[in-house]
Amino acid sequence: MKRIALLLATFLLAGCAAAPAQPAPAGTEQRVFNDTDVMFSQMMAAHHSQALEMVRLARTKAAREDVRTLAAAIDATETDELKTMQVWLESWGQPPNADASAHAGHGGAHGANPDDIKALRAATGADFETKFLNLLIAHQHNAIEIARMETGSGVNPGALDLAKRIDESRTAEIQQMLRYLNQPA
């Protein structure tokens, strides 16, 4: 059963890792962007940085191999996506992150509470896994919300494609993590 879960984790996340987001060739779609594309990239870059901190903890602290495998896959995917968004922001002449209050009208930064991250760092064993999975489920739900904001009014083809893939992959990750929470360790 563990082997099937491990294969399922790899399969679900392979689509994200197999087709990494890439910046468009210079002089093409990078010139087409609006405020929503910039906000999406800035908010999602900050969001990814926080997720990377959590999954890197899980890669060493999680007791179950399937949870560590999921964390490793998320790390690879979100590292690649983060680099892509940073390239876009630079090519658009935009700062990599905006003032914390800049996106307050859109629900803020959609990140995890720093106290929750601190508690996660202190947790061990089964307690760590439960906290990690619950925190990451909420975090990935917020990523879906940010992605849907982009698909609702963004114009950059690359950002729209990334947002669609984030919506699909994070939805699959949430379903997988919910199954992990309902499985005995």
C-alpha atoms as a PDB file:
ATOM      1  CA  MET A   1       0.000   0.000   0.000  1.00  0.00           C
ATOM      2  CA  LYS A   2       2.859   2.386   0.820  1.00  0.00           C
ATOM      3  CA  ARG A   3       4.381   1.676  -2.563  1.00  0.00           C
ATOM      4  CA  ILE A   4       1.088   2.544  -4.299  1.00  0.00           C
ATOM      5  CA  ALA A   5       0.865   5.803  -2.318  1.00  0.00           C
ATOM      6  CA  LEU A   6       4.449   6.617  -3.246  1.00  0.00           C
ATOM      7  CA  LEU A   7       3.764   5.932  -6.918  1.00  0.00           C
ATOM      8  CA  LEU A   8       0.574   7.997  -6.747  1.00  0.00           C
ATOM      9  CA  ALA A   9       2.459  10.934  -5.215  1.00  0.00           C
ATOM     10  CA  THR A  10       5.085  10.739  -7.917  1.00  0.00           C
ATOM     11  CA  PHE A  11       2.464  10.435 -10.670  1.00  0.00           C
ATOM     12  CA  LEU A  12       0.322  13.341  -9.429  1.00  0.00           C
ATOM     13  CA  LEU A  13       3.253  15.684  -9.202  1.00  0.00           C
ATOM     14  CA  ALA A  14       5.077  14.461 -12.297  1.00  0.00           C
ATOM     15  CA  GLY A  15       2.867  16.562 -14.519  1.00  0.00           C
ATOM     16  CA  CYS A  16       4.034  19.676 -12.720  1.00  0.00           C
ATOM     17  CA  ALA A  17       7.679  18.748 -12.670  1.00  0.00           C
ATOM     18  CA  ALA A  18       7.715  17.304 -16.189  1.00  0.00           C
ATOM     19  CA  ALA A  19       6.487  20.513 -17.768  1.00  0.00           C
ATOM     20  CA  PRO A  20       8.311  23.271 -15.915  1.00  0.00           C
ATOM     21  CA  ALA A  21       7.190  26.810 -16.420  1.00  0.00           C
ATOM     22  CA  GLN A  22       9.594  28.603 -18.709  1.00  0.00           C
ATOM     23  CA  PRO A  23       9.881  32.280 -19.501  1.00  0.00           C
ATOM     24  CA  ALA A  24       8.923  33.200 -23.048  1.00  0.00           C
ATOM     25  CA  PRO A  25      11.687  33.985 -25.526  1.00  0.00           C
ATOM     26  CA  ALA A  26      12.843  37.582 -25.292  1.00  0.00           C
ATOM     27  CA  GLY A  27      10.696  39.975 -27.262  1.00  0.00           C
ATOM     28  CA  THR A  28       7.527  37.876 -27.334  1.00  0.00           C
ATOM     29  CA  GLU A  29       4.857  37.379 -24.694  1.00  0.00           C
ATOM     30  CA  GLN A  30       6.943  38.912 -21.905  1.00  0.00           C
ATOM     31  CA  ARG A  31       5.968  42.384 -23.095  1.00  0.00           C
ATOM     32  CA  VAL A  32       2.270  41.637 -22.633  1.00  0.00           C
ATOM     33  CA  PHE A  33       1.277  41.964 -18.990  1.00  0.00           C
ATOM     34  CA  ASN A  34      -1.072  43.891 -16.752  1.00  0.00           C
ATOM     35  CA  ASP A  35      -1.341  44.738 -13.051  1.00  0.00           C
ATOM     36  CA  THR A  36      -2.984  41.370 -12.331  1.00  0.00           C
ATOM     37  CA  ASP A  37      -0.033  39.498 -13.884  1.00  0.00           C
ATOM     38  CA  VAL A  38       2.381  41.513 -11.725  1.00  0.00           C
ATOM     39  CA  MET A  39       0.290  41.022  -8.575  1.00  0.00           C
ATOM     40  CA  PHE A  40      -0.055  37.279  -9.284  1.00  0.00           C
ATOM     41  CA  SER A  41       3.694  36.885  -9.755  1.00  0.00           C
ATOM     42  CA  GLN A  42       4.599  38.938  -6.675  1.00  0.00           C
ATOM     43  CA  MET A  43       2.052  37.277  -4.407  1.00  0.00           C
ATOM     44  CA  MET A  44       2.772  33.783  -5.688  1.00  0.00           C
ATOM     45  CA  ALA A  45       6.549  34.273  -5.399  1.00  0.00           C
ATOM     46  CA  ALA A  46       6.166  35.183  -1.718  1.00  0.00           C
ATOM     47  CA  HIS A  47       3.722  32.312  -1.276  1.00  0.00           C
ATOM     48  CA  HIS A  48       6.133  29.831  -2.884  1.00  0.00           C
ATOM     49  CA  SER A  49       8.981  30.968  -0.642  1.00  0.00           C
ATOM     50  CA  GLN A  50       6.910  30.126   2.408  1.00  0.00           C
ATOM     51  CA  ALA A  51       5.811  26.757   0.981  1.00  0.00           C
ATOM     52  CA  LEU A  52       9.429  25.900   0.228  1.00  0.00           C
ATOM     53  CA  GLU A  53      10.321  26.552   3.856  1.00  0.00           C
ATOM     54  CA  MET A  54       7.580  24.142   4.986  1.00  0.00           C
ATOM     55  CA  VAL A  55       8.320  21.335   2.515  1.00  0.00           C
ATOM     56  CA  ARG A  56      12.030  21.488   3.260  1.00  0.00           C
ATOM     57  CA  LEU A  57      11.216  20.861   6.913  1.00  0.00           C
ATOM     58  CA  ALA A  58       9.076  17.884   5.898  1.00  0.00           C
ATOM     59  CA  ARG A  59      11.816  16.379   3.772  1.00  0.00           C
ATOM     60  CA  THR A  60      13.804  15.762   6.951  1.00  0.00           C
ATOM     61  CA  LYS A  61      11.210  15.737   9.754  1.00  0.00           C
ATOM     62  CA  ALA A  62       8.329  13.715   8.306  1.00  0.00           C
ATOM     63  CA  ALA A  63       8.198  10.159   9.572  1.00  0.00           C
ATOM     64  CA  ARG A  64       6.431   8.648   6.549  1.00  0.00           C
ATOM     65  CA  GLU A  65       8.217   8.155   3.255  1.00  0.00           C
ATOM     66  CA  ASP A  66       5.151   9.129   1.207  1.00  0.00           C
ATOM     67  CA  VAL A  67       4.990  12.521   2.960  1.00  0.00           C
ATOM     68  CA  ARG A  68       8.721  13.082   2.390  1.00  0.00           C
ATOM     69  CA  THR A  69       8.298  12.146  -1.287  1.00  0.00           C
ATOM     70  CA  LEU A  70       5.414  14.580  -1.684  1.00  0.00           C
ATOM     71  CA  ALA A  71       7.483  17.311  -0.026  1.00  0.00           C
ATOM     72  CA  ALA A  72      10.405  16.651  -2.392  1.00  0.00           C
ATOM     73  CA  ALA A  73       8.141  16.838  -5.435  1.00  0.00           C
ATOM     74  CA  ILE A  74       6.566  20.095  -4.250  1.00  0.00           C
ATOM     75  CA  ASP A  75      10.042  21.498  -3.578  1.00  0.00           C
ATOM     76  CA  ALA A  76      11.179  20.763  -7.143  1.00  0.00           C
ATOM     77  CA  THR A  77       8.016  22.136  -8.746  1.00  0.00           C
ATOM     78  CA  GLU A  78       7.739  25.307  -6.695  1.00  0.00           C
ATOM     79  CA  THR A  79      11.452  26.097  -6.967  1.00  0.00           C
ATOM     80  CA  ASP A  80      11.114  26.040 -10.753  1.00  0.00           C
ATOM     81  CA  GLU A  81       7.921  28.109 -10.714  1.00  0.00           C
ATOM     82  CA  LEU A  82       9.506  30.668  -8.375  1.00  0.00           C
ATOM     83  CA  LYS A  83      12.471  31.154 -10.719  1.00  0.00           C
ATOM     84  CA  THR A  84      10.108  31.662 -13.650  1.00  0.00           C
ATOM     85  CA  MET A  85       8.060  34.312 -11.843  1.00  0.00           C
ATOM     86  CA  GLN A  86      11.221  36.128 -10.777  1.00  0.00           C
ATOM     87  CA  VAL A  87      12.357  36.249 -14.427  1.00  0.00           C
ATOM     88  CA  TRP A  88       8.964  37.630 -15.489  1.00  0.00           C
ATOM     89  CA  LEU A  89       8.991  40.353 -12.854  1.00  0.00           C
ATOM     90  CA  GLU A  90      12.510  41.387 -13.813  1.00  0.00           C
ATOM     91  CA  SER A  91      11.636  41.450 -17.535  1.00  0.00           C
ATOM     92  CA  TRP A  92       8.553  43.560 -16.775  1.00  0.00           C
ATOM     93  CA  GLY A  93      10.649  46.026 -14.774  1.00  0.00           C
ATOM     94  CA  GLN A  94       8.697  45.213 -11.607  1.00  0.00           C
ATOM     95  CA  PRO A  95       9.988  44.625  -8.089  1.00  0.00           C
ATOM     96  CA  PRO A  96      10.177  40.964  -7.061  1.00  0.00           C
ATOM     97  CA  ASN A  97       7.893  41.664  -4.120  1.00  0.00           C
ATOM     98  CA  ALA A  98       5.605  44.524  -3.329  1.00  0.00           C
ATOM     99  CA  ASP A  99       4.969  46.395  -0.118  1.00  0.00           C
ATOM    100  CA  ALA A 100       3.047  44.097   2.251  1.00  0.00           C
ATOM    101  CA  SER A 101       0.024  46.433   2.128  1.00  0.00           C
ATOM    102  CA  ALA A 102       0.007  46.653  -1.689  1.00  0.00           C
ATOM    103  CA  HIS A 103      -2.293  43.664  -2.100  1.00  0.00           C
ATOM    104  CA  ALA A 104      -4.508  44.168   0.948  1.00  0.00           C
ATOM    105  CA  GLY A 105      -7.524  44.901  -1.273  1.00  0.00           C
ATOM    106  CA  HIS A 106      -7.118  41.468  -2.840  1.00  0.00           C
ATOM    107  CA  GLY A 107      -7.047  39.539   0.399  1.00  0.00           C
ATOM    108  CA  GLY A 108      -3.438  40.205   1.340  1.00  0.00           C
ATOM    109  CA  ALA A 109      -0.501  37.913   0.852  1.00  0.00           C
ATOM    110  CA  HIS A 110      -2.401  34.630   1.411  1.00  0.00           C
ATOM    111  CA  GLY A 111       0.459  33.175   3.395  1.00  0.00           C
ATOM    112  CA  ALA A 112       0.762  31.033   6.477  1.00  0.00           C
ATOM    113  CA  ASN A 113       0.921  32.683   9.867  1.00  0.00           C
ATOM    114  CA  PRO A 114       4.548  32.999  11.072  1.00  0.00           C
ATOM    115  CA  ASP A 115       3.501  31.487  14.431  1.00  0.00           C
ATOM    116  CA  ASP A 116       2.214  28.394  12.599  1.00  0.00           C
ATOM    117  CA  ILE A 117       5.555  28.019  10.802  1.00  0.00           C
ATOM    118  CA  LYS A 118       7.355  28.387  14.148  1.00  0.00           C
ATOM    119  CA  ALA A 119       5.154  25.673  15.687  1.00  0.00           C
ATOM    120  CA  LEU A 120       5.828  23.459  12.682  1.00  0.00           C
ATOM    121  CA  ARG A 121       9.593  23.844  13.166  1.00  0.00           C
ATOM    122  CA  ALA A 122       9.226  22.746  16.799  1.00  0.00           C
ATOM    123  CA  ALA A 123       6.984  19.735  16.088  1.00  0.00           C
ATOM    124  CA  THR A 124       8.283  16.182  15.688  1.00  0.00           C
ATOM    125  CA  GLY A 125       7.046  12.769  14.549  1.00  0.00           C
ATOM    126  CA  ALA A 126       3.341  12.223  13.970  1.00  0.00           C
ATOM    127  CA  ASP A 127       2.573  15.654  15.447  1.00  0.00           C
ATOM    128  CA  PHE A 128       4.820  17.245  12.820  1.00  0.00           C
ATOM    129  CA  GLU A 129       3.118  15.379   9.990  1.00  0.00           C
ATOM    130  CA  THR A 130      -0.379  16.325  11.137  1.00  0.00           C
ATOM    131  CA  LYS A 131       0.592  19.978  11.546  1.00  0.00           C
ATOM    132  CA  PHE A 132       2.489  19.986   8.247  1.00  0.00           C
ATOM    133  CA  LEU A 133      -0.306  18.421   6.218  1.00  0.00           C
ATOM    134  CA  ASN A 134      -2.992  20.677   7.695  1.00  0.00           C
ATOM    135  CA  LEU A 135      -0.882  23.804   7.253  1.00  0.00           C
ATOM    136  CA  LEU A 136       0.116  22.910   3.700  1.00  0.00           C
ATOM    137  CA  ILE A 137      -3.475  22.065   2.728  1.00  0.00           C
ATOM    138  CA  ALA A 138      -4.551  25.553   3.778  1.00  0.00           C
ATOM    139  CA  HIS A 139      -1.496  27.076   2.120  1.00  0.00           C
ATOM    140  CA  GLN A 140      -2.125  25.313  -1.200  1.00  0.00           C
ATOM    141  CA  HIS A 141      -5.786  26.337  -1.065  1.00  0.00           C
ATOM    142  CA  ASN A 142      -4.578  29.929  -0.895  1.00  0.00           C
ATOM    143  CA  ALA A 143      -2.338  29.270  -3.932  1.00  0.00           C
ATOM    144  CA  ILE A 144      -5.441  28.158  -5.829  1.00  0.00           C
ATOM    145  CA  GLU A 145      -7.187  31.409  -4.895  1.00  0.00           C
ATOM    146  CA  ILE A 146      -4.246  33.474  -6.171  1.00  0.00           C
ATOM    147  CA  ALA A 147      -4.110  31.418  -9.377  1.00  0.00           C
ATOM    148  CA  ARG A 148      -7.825  31.916  -9.988  1.00  0.00           C
ATOM    149  CA  MET A 149      -7.387  35.660  -9.565  1.00  0.00           C
ATOM    150  CA  GLU A 150      -4.834  35.502 -12.397  1.00  0.00           C
ATOM    151  CA  THR A 151      -7.013  33.391 -14.690  1.00  0.00           C
ATOM    152  CA  GLY A 152      -9.870  35.808 -14.042  1.00  0.00           C
ATOM    153  CA  SER A 153      -8.152  38.959 -15.280  1.00  0.00           C
ATOM    154  CA  GLY A 154      -4.503  38.383 -16.196  1.00  0.00           C
ATOM    155  CA  VAL A 155      -3.337  38.771 -19.808  1.00  0.00           C
ATOM    156  CA  ASN A 156       0.186  37.326 -19.955  1.00  0.00           C
ATOM    157  CA  PRO A 157       0.003  33.924 -21.709  1.00  0.00           C
ATOM    158  CA  GLY A 158       2.792  32.412 -19.594  1.00  0.00           C
ATOM    159  CA  ALA A 159       1.307  33.632 -16.321  1.00  0.00           C
ATOM    160  CA  LEU A 160      -2.148  32.417 -17.343  1.00  0.00           C
ATOM    161  CA  ASP A 161      -0.739  28.988 -18.191  1.00  0.00           C
ATOM    162  CA  LEU A 162       1.161  28.799 -14.904  1.00  0.00           C
ATOM    163  CA  ALA A 163      -1.937  29.858 -12.959  1.00  0.00           C
ATOM    164  CA  LYS A 164      -3.992  27.120 -14.621  1.00  0.00           C
ATOM    165  CA  ARG A 165      -1.348  24.502 -13.791  1.00  0.00           C
ATOM    166  CA  ILE A 166      -1.112  25.755 -10.196  1.00  0.00           C
ATOM    167  CA  ASP A 167      -4.892  25.454  -9.831  1.00  0.00           C
ATOM    168  CA  GLU A 168      -4.871  21.872 -11.143  1.00  0.00           C
ATOM    169  CA  SER A 169      -1.741  20.622  -9.363  1.00  0.00           C
ATOM    170  CA  ARG A 170      -2.508  22.174  -5.973  1.00  0.00           C
ATOM    171  CA  THR A 171      -6.030  20.765  -6.100  1.00  0.00           C
ATOM    172  CA  ALA A 172      -4.493  17.306  -6.653  1.00  0.00           C
ATOM    173  CA  GLU A 173      -1.977  17.888  -3.839  1.00  0.00           C
ATOM    174  CA  ILE A 174      -4.759  18.845  -1.430  1.00  0.00           C
ATOM    175  CA  GLN A 175      -6.677  15.668  -2.262  1.00  0.00           C
ATOM    176  CA  GLN A 176      -3.543  13.610  -1.736  1.00  0.00           C
ATOM    177  CA  MET A 177      -2.756  15.269   1.604  1.00  0.00           C
ATOM    178  CA  LEU A 178      -6.331  14.729   2.798  1.00  0.00           C
ATOM    179  CA  ARG A 179      -5.885  11.012   2.051  1.00  0.00           C
ATOM    180  CA  TYR A 180      -2.625  11.023   4.037  1.00  0.00           C
ATOM    181  CA  LEU A 181      -4.393  12.586   7.010  1.00  0.00           C
ATOM    182  CA  ASN A 182      -6.977   9.804   6.904  1.00  0.00           C
ATOM    183  CA  GLN A 183      -4.413   6.971   6.669  1.00  0.00           C
ATOM    184  CA  PRO A 184      -2.825   5.427   9.685  1.00  0.00           C
ATOM    185  CA  ALA A 185       0.887   6.190   9.922  1.00  0.00           C
END
